[in-house]
Amino acid sequence: MHDELHVECIICGETKTAGEGIRIISEFICDSCETEMVRTDVMDAKYPFFIHQLKQIFIEKNA
């Protein structure tokens, strides 16, 4: 669902209220994912997943 009130988090894929996170360019990251990313050490196994998901922000969807 994509409207002004509800957006999908690019990291977890869950639909959240637009005010419960941040927008980077045209994508949304929910508060929970933002907090987890900030606290994740670069040596953590989940770190590459976050990097991969964030790269999706800069890849054109219709390329």
PDB file of N, CA and C in Angstrom:
ATOM      1  N   MET A   1       0.847  -1.177   0.000  1.00  0.00           N
ATOM      2  CA  MET A   1       0.000   0.000   0.000  1.00  0.00           C
ATOM      3  C   MET A   1       0.888   1.234   0.000  1.00  0.00           C
ATOM      4  N   HIS A   2       0.685   2.112  -0.963  1.00  0.00           N
ATOM      5  CA  HIS A   2       1.462   3.336  -1.037  1.00  0.00           C
ATOM      6  C   HIS A   2       0.512   4.525  -1.107  1.00  0.00           C
ATOM      7  N   ASP A   3       0.412   5.253  -0.027  1.00  0.00           N
ATOM      8  CA  ASP A   3      -0.323   6.499  -0.001  1.00  0.00           C
ATOM      9  C   ASP A   3       0.408   7.428   0.952  1.00  0.00           C
ATOM     10  N   GLU A   4      -0.125   8.582   1.199  1.00  0.00           N
ATOM     11  CA  GLU A   4       0.567   9.552   2.045  1.00  0.00           C
ATOM     12  C   GLU A   4       0.667   9.111   3.494  1.00  0.00           C
ATOM     13  N   LEU A   5      -0.250   8.272   3.964  1.00  0.00           N
ATOM     14  CA  LEU A   5      -0.268   7.883   5.361  1.00  0.00           C
ATOM     15  C   LEU A   5       0.480   6.581   5.642  1.00  0.00           C
ATOM     16  N   HIS A   6       0.553   5.697   4.661  1.00  0.00           N
ATOM     17  CA  HIS A   6       1.180   4.398   4.857  1.00  0.00           C
ATOM     18  C   HIS A   6       2.226   4.155   3.772  1.00  0.00           C
ATOM     19  N   VAL A   7       3.412   3.740   4.207  1.00  0.00           N
ATOM     20  CA  VAL A   7       4.508   3.487   3.281  1.00  0.00           C
ATOM     21  C   VAL A   7       5.200   2.189   3.654  1.00  0.00           C
ATOM     22  N   GLU A   8       5.864   1.586   2.674  1.00  0.00           N
ATOM     23  CA  GLU A   8       6.568   0.330   2.905  1.00  0.00           C
ATOM     24  C   GLU A   8       8.039   0.606   3.182  1.00  0.00           C
ATOM     25  N   CYS A   9       8.553   0.025   4.245  1.00  0.00           N
ATOM     26  CA  CYS A   9       9.959   0.169   4.612  1.00  0.00           C
ATOM     27  C   CYS A   9      10.822  -0.614   3.621  1.00  0.00           C
ATOM     28  N   ILE A  10      11.852   0.024   3.091  1.00  0.00           N
ATOM     29  CA  ILE A  10      12.731  -0.619   2.121  1.00  0.00           C
ATOM     30  C   ILE A  10      13.600  -1.705   2.779  1.00  0.00           C
ATOM     31  N   ILE A  11      13.722  -1.681   4.091  1.00  0.00           N
ATOM     32  CA  ILE A  11      14.555  -2.657   4.787  1.00  0.00           C
ATOM     33  C   ILE A  11      13.743  -3.898   5.168  1.00  0.00           C
ATOM     34  N   CYS A  12      12.669  -3.723   5.937  1.00  0.00           N
ATOM     35  CA  CYS A  12      11.911  -4.884   6.435  1.00  0.00           C
ATOM     36  C   CYS A  12      10.705  -5.231   5.577  1.00  0.00           C
ATOM     37  N   GLY A  13      10.278  -4.303   4.718  1.00  0.00           N
ATOM     38  CA  GLY A  13       9.144  -4.564   3.842  1.00  0.00           C
ATOM     39  C   GLY A  13       7.782  -4.392   4.490  1.00  0.00           C
ATOM     40  N   GLU A  14       7.750  -4.021   5.759  1.00  0.00           N
ATOM     41  CA  GLU A  14       6.478  -3.828   6.450  1.00  0.00           C
ATOM     42  C   GLU A  14       5.879  -2.463   6.110  1.00  0.00           C
ATOM     43  N   THR A  15       4.557  -2.397   6.101  1.00  0.00           N
ATOM     44  CA  THR A  15       3.854  -1.145   5.877  1.00  0.00           C
ATOM     45  C   THR A  15       3.718  -0.424   7.209  1.00  0.00           C
ATOM     46  N   LYS A  16       4.147   0.819   7.226  1.00  0.00           N
ATOM     47  CA  LYS A  16       4.135   1.625   8.448  1.00  0.00           C
ATOM     48  C   LYS A  16       3.478   2.968   8.179  1.00  0.00           C
ATOM     49  N   THR A  17       3.139   3.676   9.244  1.00  0.00           N
ATOM     50  CA  THR A  17       2.643   5.036   9.129  1.00  0.00           C
ATOM     51  C   THR A  17       3.805   5.934   8.729  1.00  0.00           C
ATOM     52  N   ALA A  18       3.601   6.806   7.784  1.00  0.00           N
ATOM     53  CA  ALA A  18       4.664   7.633   7.214  1.00  0.00           C
ATOM     54  C   ALA A  18       5.458   8.410   8.260  1.00  0.00           C
ATOM     55  N   GLY A  19       4.856   8.801   9.356  1.00  0.00           N
ATOM     56  CA  GLY A  19       5.548   9.569  10.385  1.00  0.00           C
ATOM     57  C   GLY A  19       6.428   8.735  11.294  1.00  0.00           C
ATOM     58  N   GLU A  20       6.465   7.424  11.089  1.00  0.00           N
ATOM     59  CA  GLU A  20       7.227   6.528  11.961  1.00  0.00           C
ATOM     60  C   GLU A  20       8.545   6.103  11.328  1.00  0.00           C
ATOM     61  N   GLY A  21       9.265   7.048  10.735  1.00  0.00           N
ATOM     62  CA  GLY A  21      10.534   6.727  10.107  1.00  0.00           C
ATOM     63  C   GLY A  21      11.087   7.908   9.340  1.00  0.00           C
ATOM     64  N   ILE A  22      12.027   7.589   8.443  1.00  0.00           N
ATOM     65  CA  ILE A  22      12.665   8.636   7.650  1.00  0.00           C
ATOM     66  C   ILE A  22      12.537   8.327   6.163  1.00  0.00           C
ATOM     67  N   ARG A  23      12.625   9.369   5.356  1.00  0.00           N
ATOM     68  CA  ARG A  23      12.628   9.219   3.900  1.00  0.00           C
ATOM     69  C   ARG A  23      14.011   9.568   3.400  1.00  0.00           C
ATOM     70  N   ILE A  24      14.518   8.732   2.505  1.00  0.00           N
ATOM     71  CA  ILE A  24      15.767   9.008   1.807  1.00  0.00           C
ATOM     72  C   ILE A  24      15.427   8.954   0.329  1.00  0.00           C
ATOM     73  N   ILE A  25      15.535  10.076  -0.320  1.00  0.00           N
ATOM     74  CA  ILE A  25      15.109  10.263  -1.704  1.00  0.00           C
ATOM     75  C   ILE A  25      13.632   9.869  -1.770  1.00  0.00           C
ATOM     76  N   SER A  26      13.287   8.795  -2.455  1.00  0.00           N
ATOM     77  CA  SER A  26      11.879   8.415  -2.574  1.00  0.00           C
ATOM     78  C   SER A  26      11.538   7.192  -1.733  1.00  0.00           C
ATOM     79  N   GLU A  27      12.489   6.690  -0.952  1.00  0.00           N
ATOM     80  CA  GLU A  27      12.262   5.475  -0.156  1.00  0.00           C
ATOM     81  C   GLU A  27      12.086   5.805   1.319  1.00  0.00           C
ATOM     82  N   PHE A  28      11.512   4.853   2.048  1.00  0.00           N
ATOM     83  CA  PHE A  28      11.187   5.015   3.462  1.00  0.00           C
ATOM     84  C   PHE A  28      11.908   3.957   4.284  1.00  0.00           C
ATOM     85  N   ILE A  29      12.439   4.354   5.449  1.00  0.00           N
ATOM     86  CA  ILE A  29      13.032   3.424   6.415  1.00  0.00           C
ATOM     87  C   ILE A  29      12.325   3.660   7.739  1.00  0.00           C
ATOM     88  N   CYS A  30      11.734   2.593   8.290  1.00  0.00           N
ATOM     89  CA  CYS A  30      10.981   2.735   9.542  1.00  0.00           C
ATOM     90  C   CYS A  30      11.929   2.955  10.726  1.00  0.00           C
ATOM     91  N   ASP A  31      11.383   3.484  11.809  1.00  0.00           N
ATOM     92  CA  ASP A  31      12.169   3.768  13.005  1.00  0.00           C
ATOM     93  C   ASP A  31      12.896   2.534  13.513  1.00  0.00           C
ATOM     94  N   SER A  32      12.234   1.379  13.509  1.00  0.00           N
ATOM     95  CA  SER A  32      12.833   0.145  14.025  1.00  0.00           C
ATOM     96  C   SER A  32      14.074  -0.239  13.227  1.00  0.00           C
ATOM     97  N   CYS A  33      13.964  -0.200  11.912  1.00  0.00           N
ATOM     98  CA  CYS A  33      15.103  -0.550  11.056  1.00  0.00           C
ATOM     99  C   CYS A  33      16.215   0.477  11.169  1.00  0.00           C
ATOM    100  N   GLU A  34      15.856   1.738  11.244  1.00  0.00           N
ATOM    101  CA  GLU A  34      16.868   2.785  11.389  1.00  0.00           C
ATOM    102  C   GLU A  34      17.671   2.563  12.670  1.00  0.00           C
ATOM    103  N   THR A  35      16.986   2.299  13.753  1.00  0.00           N
ATOM    104  CA  THR A  35      17.648   2.055  15.035  1.00  0.00           C
ATOM    105  C   THR A  35      18.548   0.833  14.959  1.00  0.00           C
ATOM    106  N   GLU A  36      18.037  -0.241  14.367  1.00  0.00           N
ATOM    107  CA  GLU A  36      18.837  -1.463  14.259  1.00  0.00           C
ATOM    108  C   GLU A  36      20.072  -1.245  13.390  1.00  0.00           C
ATOM    109  N   MET A  37      19.925  -0.519  12.287  1.00  0.00           N
ATOM    110  CA  MET A  37      21.073  -0.264  11.408  1.00  0.00           C
ATOM    111  C   MET A  37      22.151   0.551  12.122  1.00  0.00           C
ATOM    112  N   VAL A  38      21.746   1.572  12.841  1.00  0.00           N
ATOM    113  CA  VAL A  38      22.693   2.444  13.530  1.00  0.00           C
ATOM    114  C   VAL A  38      23.476   1.670  14.593  1.00  0.00           C
ATOM    115  N   ARG A  39      22.838   0.694  15.214  1.00  0.00           N
ATOM    116  CA  ARG A  39      23.478  -0.076  16.290  1.00  0.00           C
ATOM    117  C   ARG A  39      24.220  -1.315  15.800  1.00  0.00           C
ATOM    118  N   THR A  40      24.136  -1.621  14.500  1.00  0.00           N
ATOM    119  CA  THR A  40      24.763  -2.821  13.963  1.00  0.00           C
ATOM    120  C   THR A  40      26.242  -2.571  13.681  1.00  0.00           C
ATOM    121  N   ASP A  41      27.075  -3.431  14.227  1.00  0.00           N
ATOM    122  CA  ASP A  41      28.516  -3.352  14.001  1.00  0.00           C
ATOM    123  C   ASP A  41      28.841  -3.831  12.590  1.00  0.00           C
ATOM    124  N   VAL A  42      29.888  -3.281  11.992  1.00  0.00           N
ATOM    125  CA  VAL A  42      30.263  -3.672  10.633  1.00  0.00           C
ATOM    126  C   VAL A  42      30.649  -5.151  10.540  1.00  0.00           C
ATOM    127  N   MET A  43      31.005  -5.776  11.629  1.00  0.00           N
ATOM    128  CA  MET A  43      31.372  -7.191  11.628  1.00  0.00           C
ATOM    129  C   MET A  43      30.161  -8.108  11.825  1.00  0.00           C
ATOM    130  N   ASP A  44      29.003  -7.527  12.098  1.00  0.00           N
ATOM    131  CA  ASP A  44      27.774  -8.299  12.300  1.00  0.00           C
ATOM    132  C   ASP A  44      27.333  -8.928  10.976  1.00  0.00           C
ATOM    133  N   ALA A  45      26.783 -10.122  11.046  1.00  0.00           N
ATOM    134  CA  ALA A  45      26.331 -10.839   9.844  1.00  0.00           C
ATOM    135  C   ALA A  45      25.214 -10.098   9.103  1.00  0.00           C
ATOM    136  N   LYS A  46      24.463  -9.265   9.803  1.00  0.00           N
ATOM    137  CA  LYS A  46      23.343  -8.560   9.177  1.00  0.00           C
ATOM    138  C   LYS A  46      23.780  -7.284   8.447  1.00  0.00           C
ATOM    139  N   TYR A  47      24.996  -6.819   8.690  1.00  0.00           N
ATOM    140  CA  TYR A  47      25.488  -5.584   8.084  1.00  0.00           C
ATOM    141  C   TYR A  47      25.422  -5.604   6.552  1.00  0.00           C
ATOM    142  N   PRO A  48      25.895  -6.663   5.885  1.00  0.00           N
ATOM    143  CA  PRO A  48      25.807  -6.698   4.411  1.00  0.00           C
ATOM    144  C   PRO A  48      24.362  -6.628   3.895  1.00  0.00           C
ATOM    145  N   PHE A  49      23.420  -7.198   4.643  1.00  0.00           N
ATOM    146  CA  PHE A  49      22.008  -7.110   4.256  1.00  0.00           C
ATOM    147  C   PHE A  49      21.552  -5.658   4.236  1.00  0.00           C
ATOM    148  N   PHE A  50      21.903  -4.905   5.277  1.00  0.00           N
ATOM    149  CA  PHE A  50      21.528  -3.488   5.335  1.00  0.00           C
ATOM    150  C   PHE A  50      22.138  -2.716   4.174  1.00  0.00           C
ATOM    151  N   ILE A  51      23.401  -2.987   3.869  1.00  0.00           N
ATOM    152  CA  ILE A  51      24.074  -2.301   2.762  1.00  0.00           C
ATOM    153  C   ILE A  51      23.350  -2.599   1.446  1.00  0.00           C
ATOM    154  N   HIS A  52      23.013  -3.864   1.236  1.00  0.00           N
ATOM    155  CA  HIS A  52      22.306  -4.257   0.013  1.00  0.00           C
ATOM    156  C   HIS A  52      20.968  -3.529  -0.109  1.00  0.00           C
ATOM    157  N   GLN A  53      20.219  -3.495   0.969  1.00  0.00           N
ATOM    158  CA  GLN A  53      18.914  -2.835   0.948  1.00  0.00           C
ATOM    159  C   GLN A  53      19.060  -1.330   0.695  1.00  0.00           C
ATOM    160  N   LEU A  54      20.043  -0.706   1.310  1.00  0.00           N
ATOM    161  CA  LEU A  54      20.247   0.728   1.115  1.00  0.00           C
ATOM    162  C   LEU A  54      20.657   1.052  -0.317  1.00  0.00           C
ATOM    163  N   LYS A  55      21.391   0.166  -0.961  1.00  0.00           N
ATOM    164  CA  LYS A  55      21.780   0.387  -2.360  1.00  0.00           C
ATOM    165  C   LYS A  55      20.560   0.458  -3.261  1.00  0.00           C
ATOM    166  N   GLN A  56      19.468  -0.194  -2.867  1.00  0.00           N
ATOM    167  CA  GLN A  56      18.253  -0.185  -3.669  1.00  0.00           C
ATOM    168  C   GLN A  56      17.678   1.225  -3.811  1.00  0.00           C
ATOM    169  N   ILE A  57      18.006   2.101  -2.890  1.00  0.00           N
ATOM    170  CA  ILE A  57      17.533   3.483  -2.949  1.00  0.00           C
ATOM    171  C   ILE A  57      18.057   4.171  -4.211  1.00  0.00           C
ATOM    172  N   PHE A  58      19.284   3.825  -4.606  1.00  0.00           N
ATOM    173  CA  PHE A  58      19.935   4.526  -5.701  1.00  0.00           C
ATOM    174  C   PHE A  58      19.835   3.799  -7.036  1.00  0.00           C
ATOM    175  N   ILE A  59      19.204   2.637  -7.053  1.00  0.00           N
ATOM    176  CA  ILE A  59      19.022   1.874  -8.298  1.00  0.00           C
ATOM    177  C   ILE A  59      17.654   2.217  -8.863  1.00  0.00           C
ATOM    178  N   GLU A  60      17.619   2.589 -10.128  1.00  0.00           N
ATOM    179  CA  GLU A  60      16.346   2.913 -10.754  1.00  0.00           C
ATOM    180  C   GLU A  60      15.495   1.668 -10.866  1.00  0.00           C
ATOM    181  N   LYS A  61      14.244   1.757 -10.485  1.00  0.00           N
ATOM    182  CA  LYS A  61      13.352   0.613 -10.492  1.00  0.00           C
ATOM    183  C   LYS A  61      12.979   0.159 -11.896  1.00  0.00           C
ATOM    184  N   ASN A  62      13.057   1.045 -12.872  1.00  0.00           N
ATOM    185  CA  ASN A  62      12.680   0.693 -14.238  1.00  0.00           C
ATOM    186  C   ASN A  62      13.892   0.489 -15.157  1.00  0.00           C
ATOM    187  N   ALA A  63      15.047   0.270 -14.558  1.00  0.00           N
ATOM    188  CA  ALA A  63      16.275   0.106 -15.361  1.00  0.00           C
ATOM    189  C   ALA A  63      16.319  -1.270 -15.998  1.00  0.00           C
TER     190      ALA A  63
END
